[in-house]
Amino acid sequence: MKYDALQIVGAVLMVVFAQGAFRILVNHDNTGLLGWVPGGFPGRLLAHLALVAVGVLIGGYAHSRAKALGRRG
């Protein structure tokens, strides 16, 4: 059960911050959730992309652990 929840958390991180990265690519002034990050546009874009990568890694880890336990096909 914990790997299912962890996989959901990873997917949510990935989706939310990927959408944010696309949003600031189209409209540089719309800073979204990470408007407080220093460094202007490049800093915010890198922060969004880093959090997308974290979401992918968390989701992949949870999926592989659940698969090793025989819960995934």
PDB file of N, CA and C in Angstrom:
ATOM      1  N   MET A   1       0.810  -1.193   0.000  1.00  0.00           N
ATOM      2  CA  MET A   1       0.000   0.000   0.000  1.00  0.00           C
ATOM      3  C   MET A   1       0.858   1.265   0.000  1.00  0.00           C
ATOM      4  N   LYS A   2       1.983   1.236   0.734  1.00  0.00           N
ATOM      5  CA  LYS A   2       2.804   2.441   0.795  1.00  0.00           C
ATOM      6  C   LYS A   2       3.441   2.761  -0.556  1.00  0.00           C
ATOM      7  N   TYR A   3       3.742   1.738  -1.359  1.00  0.00           N
ATOM      8  CA  TYR A   3       4.324   1.992  -2.669  1.00  0.00           C
ATOM      9  C   TYR A   3       3.291   2.550  -3.641  1.00  0.00           C
ATOM     10  N   ASP A   4       2.027   2.172  -3.445  1.00  0.00           N
ATOM     11  CA  ASP A   4       0.960   2.759  -4.260  1.00  0.00           C
ATOM     12  C   ASP A   4       0.841   4.251  -3.975  1.00  0.00           C
ATOM     13  N   ALA A   5       0.851   4.605  -2.694  1.00  0.00           N
ATOM     14  CA  ALA A   5       0.768   6.014  -2.301  1.00  0.00           C
ATOM     15  C   ALA A   5       1.991   6.785  -2.789  1.00  0.00           C
ATOM     16  N   LEU A   6       3.150   6.178  -2.688  1.00  0.00           N
ATOM     17  CA  LEU A   6       4.378   6.837  -3.134  1.00  0.00           C
ATOM     18  C   LEU A   6       4.373   7.042  -4.650  1.00  0.00           C
ATOM     19  N   GLN A   7       3.812   6.091  -5.370  1.00  0.00           N
ATOM     20  CA  GLN A   7       3.713   6.233  -6.823  1.00  0.00           C
ATOM     21  C   GLN A   7       2.746   7.359  -7.188  1.00  0.00           C
ATOM     22  N   ILE A   8       1.678   7.502  -6.436  1.00  0.00           N
ATOM     23  CA  ILE A   8       0.732   8.590  -6.672  1.00  0.00           C
ATOM     24  C   ILE A   8       1.392   9.931  -6.392  1.00  0.00           C
ATOM     25  N   VAL A   9       2.152  10.026  -5.311  1.00  0.00           N
ATOM     26  CA  VAL A   9       2.859  11.266  -4.980  1.00  0.00           C
ATOM     27  C   VAL A   9       3.836  11.633  -6.098  1.00  0.00           C
ATOM     28  N   GLY A  10       4.568  10.649  -6.603  1.00  0.00           N
ATOM     29  CA  GLY A  10       5.500  10.910  -7.702  1.00  0.00           C
ATOM     30  C   GLY A  10       4.795  11.393  -8.951  1.00  0.00           C
ATOM     31  N   ALA A  11       3.651  10.795  -9.274  1.00  0.00           N
ATOM     32  CA  ALA A  11       2.897  11.203 -10.457  1.00  0.00           C
ATOM     33  C   ALA A  11       2.345  12.620 -10.295  1.00  0.00           C
ATOM     34  N   VAL A  12       1.873  12.939  -9.102  1.00  0.00           N
ATOM     35  CA  VAL A  12       1.338  14.290  -8.857  1.00  0.00           C
ATOM     36  C   VAL A  12       2.451  15.326  -8.975  1.00  0.00           C
ATOM     37  N   LEU A  13       3.608  15.050  -8.383  1.00  0.00           N
ATOM     38  CA  LEU A  13       4.743  15.974  -8.513  1.00  0.00           C
ATOM     39  C   LEU A  13       5.104  16.190  -9.978  1.00  0.00           C
ATOM     40  N   MET A  14       5.173  15.098 -10.713  1.00  0.00           N
ATOM     41  CA  MET A  14       5.551  15.188 -12.115  1.00  0.00           C
ATOM     42  C   MET A  14       4.549  16.024 -12.908  1.00  0.00           C
ATOM     43  N   VAL A  15       3.278  15.760 -12.733  1.00  0.00           N
ATOM     44  CA  VAL A  15       2.252  16.451 -13.511  1.00  0.00           C
ATOM     45  C   VAL A  15       2.178  17.931 -13.142  1.00  0.00           C
ATOM     46  N   VAL A  16       2.159  18.239 -11.855  1.00  0.00           N
ATOM     47  CA  VAL A  16       2.007  19.634 -11.418  1.00  0.00           C
ATOM     48  C   VAL A  16       3.186  20.481 -11.876  1.00  0.00           C
ATOM     49  N   PHE A  17       4.394  19.980 -11.698  1.00  0.00           N
ATOM     50  CA  PHE A  17       5.551  20.808 -12.035  1.00  0.00           C
ATOM     51  C   PHE A  17       5.879  20.786 -13.525  1.00  0.00           C
ATOM     52  N   ALA A  18       5.480  19.754 -14.252  1.00  0.00           N
ATOM     53  CA  ALA A  18       5.623  19.785 -15.712  1.00  0.00           C
ATOM     54  C   ALA A  18       4.678  20.837 -16.288  1.00  0.00           C
ATOM     55  N   GLN A  19       3.470  20.885 -15.761  1.00  0.00           N
ATOM     56  CA  GLN A  19       2.514  21.910 -16.208  1.00  0.00           C
ATOM     57  C   GLN A  19       3.056  23.300 -15.887  1.00  0.00           C
ATOM     58  N   GLY A  20       3.666  23.461 -14.718  1.00  0.00           N
ATOM     59  CA  GLY A  20       4.252  24.745 -14.352  1.00  0.00           C
ATOM     60  C   GLY A  20       5.408  25.127 -15.258  1.00  0.00           C
ATOM     61  N   ALA A  21       6.218  24.154 -15.642  1.00  0.00           N
ATOM     62  CA  ALA A  21       7.338  24.430 -16.549  1.00  0.00           C
ATOM     63  C   ALA A  21       6.825  24.886 -17.913  1.00  0.00           C
ATOM     64  N   PHE A  22       5.805  24.211 -18.428  1.00  0.00           N
ATOM     65  CA  PHE A  22       5.227  24.648 -19.702  1.00  0.00           C
ATOM     66  C   PHE A  22       4.621  26.036 -19.587  1.00  0.00           C
ATOM     67  N   ARG A  23       3.984  26.310 -18.458  1.00  0.00           N
ATOM     68  CA  ARG A  23       3.342  27.612 -18.276  1.00  0.00           C
ATOM     69  C   ARG A  23       4.376  28.730 -18.298  1.00  0.00           C
ATOM     70  N   ILE A  24       5.507  28.555 -17.597  1.00  0.00           N
ATOM     71  CA  ILE A  24       6.476  29.650 -17.595  1.00  0.00           C
ATOM     72  C   ILE A  24       7.276  29.718 -18.896  1.00  0.00           C
ATOM     73  N   LEU A  25       7.306  28.627 -19.659  1.00  0.00           N
ATOM     74  CA  LEU A  25       7.930  28.711 -20.979  1.00  0.00           C
ATOM     75  C   LEU A  25       7.098  29.574 -21.917  1.00  0.00           C
ATOM     76  N   VAL A  26       5.778  29.482 -21.796  1.00  0.00           N
ATOM     77  CA  VAL A  26       4.882  30.247 -22.664  1.00  0.00           C
ATOM     78  C   VAL A  26       4.752  31.685 -22.170  1.00  0.00           C
ATOM     79  N   ASN A  27       4.620  31.866 -20.859  1.00  0.00           N
ATOM     80  CA  ASN A  27       4.423  33.193 -20.281  1.00  0.00           C
ATOM     81  C   ASN A  27       5.419  33.362 -19.137  1.00  0.00           C
ATOM     82  N   HIS A  28       6.511  34.055 -19.384  1.00  0.00           N
ATOM     83  CA  HIS A  28       7.585  34.195 -18.400  1.00  0.00           C
ATOM     84  C   HIS A  28       7.147  34.911 -17.129  1.00  0.00           C
ATOM     85  N   ASP A  29       6.121  35.729 -17.221  1.00  0.00           N
ATOM     86  CA  ASP A  29       5.683  36.507 -16.056  1.00  0.00           C
ATOM     87  C   ASP A  29       4.793  35.709 -15.106  1.00  0.00           C
ATOM     88  N   ASN A  30       4.217  34.599 -15.566  1.00  0.00           N
ATOM     89  CA  ASN A  30       3.340  33.778 -14.733  1.00  0.00           C
ATOM     90  C   ASN A  30       4.202  32.774 -13.976  1.00  0.00           C
ATOM     91  N   THR A  31       4.616  33.128 -12.754  1.00  0.00           N
ATOM     92  CA  THR A  31       5.600  32.335 -12.026  1.00  0.00           C
ATOM     93  C   THR A  31       5.005  31.135 -11.306  1.00  0.00           C
ATOM     94  N   GLY A  32       3.735  31.127 -11.024  1.00  0.00           N
ATOM     95  CA  GLY A  32       3.081  29.969 -10.422  1.00  0.00           C
ATOM     96  C   GLY A  32       3.540  29.665  -9.009  1.00  0.00           C
ATOM     97  N   LEU A  33       3.628  28.376  -8.683  1.00  0.00           N
ATOM     98  CA  LEU A  33       3.940  27.938  -7.323  1.00  0.00           C
ATOM     99  C   LEU A  33       5.357  28.296  -6.879  1.00  0.00           C
ATOM    100  N   LEU A  34       6.263  28.381  -7.808  1.00  0.00           N
ATOM    101  CA  LEU A  34       7.661  28.625  -7.453  1.00  0.00           C
ATOM    102  C   LEU A  34       8.098  30.056  -7.760  1.00  0.00           C
ATOM    103  N   GLY A  35       7.201  30.999  -7.579  1.00  0.00           N
ATOM    104  CA  GLY A  35       7.527  32.398  -7.824  1.00  0.00           C
ATOM    105  C   GLY A  35       8.559  32.948  -6.858  1.00  0.00           C
ATOM    106  N   TRP A  36       8.737  32.321  -5.725  1.00  0.00           N
ATOM    107  CA  TRP A  36       9.673  32.784  -4.711  1.00  0.00           C
ATOM    108  C   TRP A  36      11.111  32.351  -4.992  1.00  0.00           C
ATOM    109  N   VAL A  37      11.320  31.460  -5.948  1.00  0.00           N
ATOM    110  CA  VAL A  37      12.664  30.948  -6.239  1.00  0.00           C
ATOM    111  C   VAL A  37      13.507  32.061  -6.866  1.00  0.00           C
ATOM    112  N   PRO A  38      14.697  32.310  -6.322  1.00  0.00           N
ATOM    113  CA  PRO A  38      15.560  33.347  -6.906  1.00  0.00           C
ATOM    114  C   PRO A  38      16.156  32.888  -8.233  1.00  0.00           C
ATOM    115  N   GLY A  39      16.628  33.828  -8.999  1.00  0.00           N
ATOM    116  CA  GLY A  39      17.299  33.504 -10.251  1.00  0.00           C
ATOM    117  C   GLY A  39      16.487  33.840 -11.479  1.00  0.00           C
ATOM    118  N   GLY A  40      15.324  34.419 -11.290  1.00  0.00           N
ATOM    119  CA  GLY A  40      14.509  34.806 -12.432  1.00  0.00           C
ATOM    120  C   GLY A  40      13.988  33.612 -13.204  1.00  0.00           C
ATOM    121  N   PHE A  41      13.818  33.821 -14.506  1.00  0.00           N
ATOM    122  CA  PHE A  41      13.257  32.781 -15.365  1.00  0.00           C
ATOM    123  C   PHE A  41      14.083  31.500 -15.378  1.00  0.00           C
ATOM    124  N   PRO A  42      15.407  31.569 -15.554  1.00  0.00           N
ATOM    125  CA  PRO A  42      16.184  30.313 -15.580  1.00  0.00           C
ATOM    126  C   PRO A  42      16.127  29.545 -14.257  1.00  0.00           C
ATOM    127  N   GLY A  43      16.162  30.247 -13.154  1.00  0.00           N
ATOM    128  CA  GLY A  43      16.104  29.594 -11.849  1.00  0.00           C
ATOM    129  C   GLY A  43      14.777  28.894 -11.623  1.00  0.00           C
ATOM    130  N   ARG A  44      13.692  29.559 -11.993  1.00  0.00           N
ATOM    131  CA  ARG A  44      12.369  28.955 -11.822  1.00  0.00           C
ATOM    132  C   ARG A  44      12.169  27.769 -12.755  1.00  0.00           C
ATOM    133  N   LEU A  45      12.640  27.897 -13.990  1.00  0.00           N
ATOM    134  CA  LEU A  45      12.507  26.791 -14.931  1.00  0.00           C
ATOM    135  C   LEU A  45      13.308  25.576 -14.456  1.00  0.00           C
ATOM    136  N   LEU A  46      14.523  25.790 -13.990  1.00  0.00           N
ATOM    137  CA  LEU A  46      15.337  24.686 -13.481  1.00  0.00           C
ATOM    138  C   LEU A  46      14.717  24.054 -12.238  1.00  0.00           C
ATOM    139  N   ALA A  47      14.103  24.876 -11.383  1.00  0.00           N
ATOM    140  CA  ALA A  47      13.441  24.331 -10.197  1.00  0.00           C
ATOM    141  C   ALA A  47      12.259  23.452 -10.595  1.00  0.00           C
ATOM    142  N   HIS A  48      11.467  23.912 -11.566  1.00  0.00           N
ATOM    143  CA  HIS A  48      10.344  23.106 -12.049  1.00  0.00           C
ATOM    144  C   HIS A  48      10.845  21.792 -12.649  1.00  0.00           C
ATOM    145  N   LEU A  49      11.861  21.870 -13.482  1.00  0.00           N
ATOM    146  CA  LEU A  49      12.372  20.658 -14.121  1.00  0.00           C
ATOM    147  C   LEU A  49      13.001  19.702 -13.111  1.00  0.00           C
ATOM    148  N   ALA A  50      13.647  20.240 -12.090  1.00  0.00           N
ATOM    149  CA  ALA A  50      14.223  19.386 -11.045  1.00  0.00           C
ATOM    150  C   ALA A  50      13.118  18.660 -10.281  1.00  0.00           C
ATOM    151  N   LEU A  51      12.019  19.353 -10.006  1.00  0.00           N
ATOM    152  CA  LEU A  51      10.921  18.704  -9.292  1.00  0.00           C
ATOM    153  C   LEU A  51      10.188  17.696 -10.175  1.00  0.00           C
ATOM    154  N   VAL A  52      10.160  17.927 -11.481  1.00  0.00           N
ATOM    155  CA  VAL A  52       9.618  16.917 -12.399  1.00  0.00           C
ATOM    156  C   VAL A  52      10.486  15.661 -12.331  1.00  0.00           C
ATOM    157  N   ALA A  53      11.795  15.848 -12.337  1.00  0.00           N
ATOM    158  CA  ALA A  53      12.715  14.705 -12.258  1.00  0.00           C
ATOM    159  C   ALA A  53      12.556  13.961 -10.934  1.00  0.00           C
ATOM    160  N   VAL A  54      12.365  14.690  -9.841  1.00  0.00           N
ATOM    161  CA  VAL A  54      12.141  14.052  -8.542  1.00  0.00           C
ATOM    162  C   VAL A  54      10.861  13.223  -8.582  1.00  0.00           C
ATOM    163  N   GLY A  55       9.808  13.759  -9.182  1.00  0.00           N
ATOM    164  CA  GLY A  55       8.560  13.014  -9.306  1.00  0.00           C
ATOM    165  C   GLY A  55       8.724  11.741 -10.122  1.00  0.00           C
ATOM    166  N   VAL A  56       9.477  11.829 -11.210  1.00  0.00           N
ATOM    167  CA  VAL A  56       9.724  10.643 -12.044  1.00  0.00           C
ATOM    168  C   VAL A  56      10.519   9.601 -11.261  1.00  0.00           C
ATOM    169  N   LEU A  57      11.530  10.038 -10.536  1.00  0.00           N
ATOM    170  CA  LEU A  57      12.350   9.104  -9.759  1.00  0.00           C
ATOM    171  C   LEU A  57      11.549   8.444  -8.637  1.00  0.00           C
ATOM    172  N   ILE A  58      10.729   9.212  -7.943  1.00  0.00           N
ATOM    173  CA  ILE A  58       9.908   8.651  -6.867  1.00  0.00           C
ATOM    174  C   ILE A  58       8.912   7.645  -7.426  1.00  0.00           C
ATOM    175  N   GLY A  59       8.242   8.008  -8.507  1.00  0.00           N
ATOM    176  CA  GLY A  59       7.280   7.097  -9.119  1.00  0.00           C
ATOM    177  C   GLY A  59       7.924   5.832  -9.647  1.00  0.00           C
ATOM    178  N   GLY A  60       9.072   5.968 -10.275  1.00  0.00           N
ATOM    179  CA  GLY A  60       9.787   4.805 -10.793  1.00  0.00           C
ATOM    180  C   GLY A  60      10.286   3.896  -9.687  1.00  0.00           C
ATOM    181  N   TYR A  61      10.785   4.491  -8.618  1.00  0.00           N
ATOM    182  CA  TYR A  61      11.244   3.702  -7.480  1.00  0.00           C
ATOM    183  C   TYR A  61      10.081   2.916  -6.867  1.00  0.00           C
ATOM    184  N   ALA A  62       8.962   3.596  -6.651  1.00  0.00           N
ATOM    185  CA  ALA A  62       7.806   2.933  -6.043  1.00  0.00           C
ATOM    186  C   ALA A  62       7.282   1.818  -6.941  1.00  0.00           C
ATOM    187  N   HIS A  63       7.276   2.052  -8.235  1.00  0.00           N
ATOM    188  CA  HIS A  63       6.805   1.019  -9.165  1.00  0.00           C
ATOM    189  C   HIS A  63       7.731  -0.195  -9.139  1.00  0.00           C
ATOM    190  N   SER A  64       9.037   0.036  -9.164  1.00  0.00           N
ATOM    191  CA  SER A  64       9.974  -1.091  -9.167  1.00  0.00           C
ATOM    192  C   SER A  64       9.932  -1.866  -7.849  1.00  0.00           C
ATOM    193  N   ARG A  65       9.751  -1.186  -6.728  1.00  0.00           N
ATOM    194  CA  ARG A  65       9.643  -1.875  -5.441  1.00  0.00           C
ATOM    195  C   ARG A  65       8.363  -2.696  -5.371  1.00  0.00           C
ATOM    196  N   ALA A  66       7.251  -2.147  -5.862  1.00  0.00           N
ATOM    197  CA  ALA A  66       5.995  -2.895  -5.864  1.00  0.00           C
ATOM    198  C   ALA A  66       6.104  -4.097  -6.806  1.00  0.00           C
ATOM    199  N   LYS A  67       6.790  -3.916  -7.929  1.00  0.00           N
ATOM    200  CA  LYS A  67       6.977  -5.028  -8.864  1.00  0.00           C
ATOM    201  C   LYS A  67       7.840  -6.117  -8.245  1.00  0.00           C
ATOM    202  N   ALA A  68       8.853  -5.755  -7.505  1.00  0.00           N
ATOM    203  CA  ALA A  68       9.719  -6.740  -6.852  1.00  0.00           C
ATOM    204  C   ALA A  68       8.954  -7.532  -5.791  1.00  0.00           C
ATOM    205  N   LEU A  69       7.943  -6.923  -5.229  1.00  0.00           N
ATOM    206  CA  LEU A  69       7.118  -7.607  -4.228  1.00  0.00           C
ATOM    207  C   LEU A  69       6.009  -8.429  -4.873  1.00  0.00           C
ATOM    208  N   GLY A  70       5.927  -8.392  -6.199  1.00  0.00           N
ATOM    209  CA  GLY A  70       4.923  -9.169  -6.906  1.00  0.00           C
ATOM    210  C   GLY A  70       3.580  -8.483  -7.031  1.00  0.00           C
ATOM    211  N   ARG A  71       3.530  -7.159  -6.844  1.00  0.00           N
ATOM    212  CA  ARG A  71       2.272  -6.439  -6.913  1.00  0.00           C
ATOM    213  C   ARG A  71       2.027  -5.809  -8.271  1.00  0.00           C
ATOM    214  N   ARG A  72       3.001  -5.872  -9.153  1.00  0.00           N
ATOM    215  CA  ARG A  72       2.859  -5.332 -10.506  1.00  0.00           C
ATOM    216  C   ARG A  72       3.213  -6.423 -11.499  1.00  0.00           C
ATOM    217  N   GLY A  73       2.608  -6.352 -12.688  1.00  0.00           N
ATOM    218  CA  GLY A  73       2.843  -7.363 -13.728  1.00  0.00           C
ATOM    219  C   GLY A  73       4.023  -7.102 -14.596  1.00  0.00           C
TER     220      GLY A  73
END
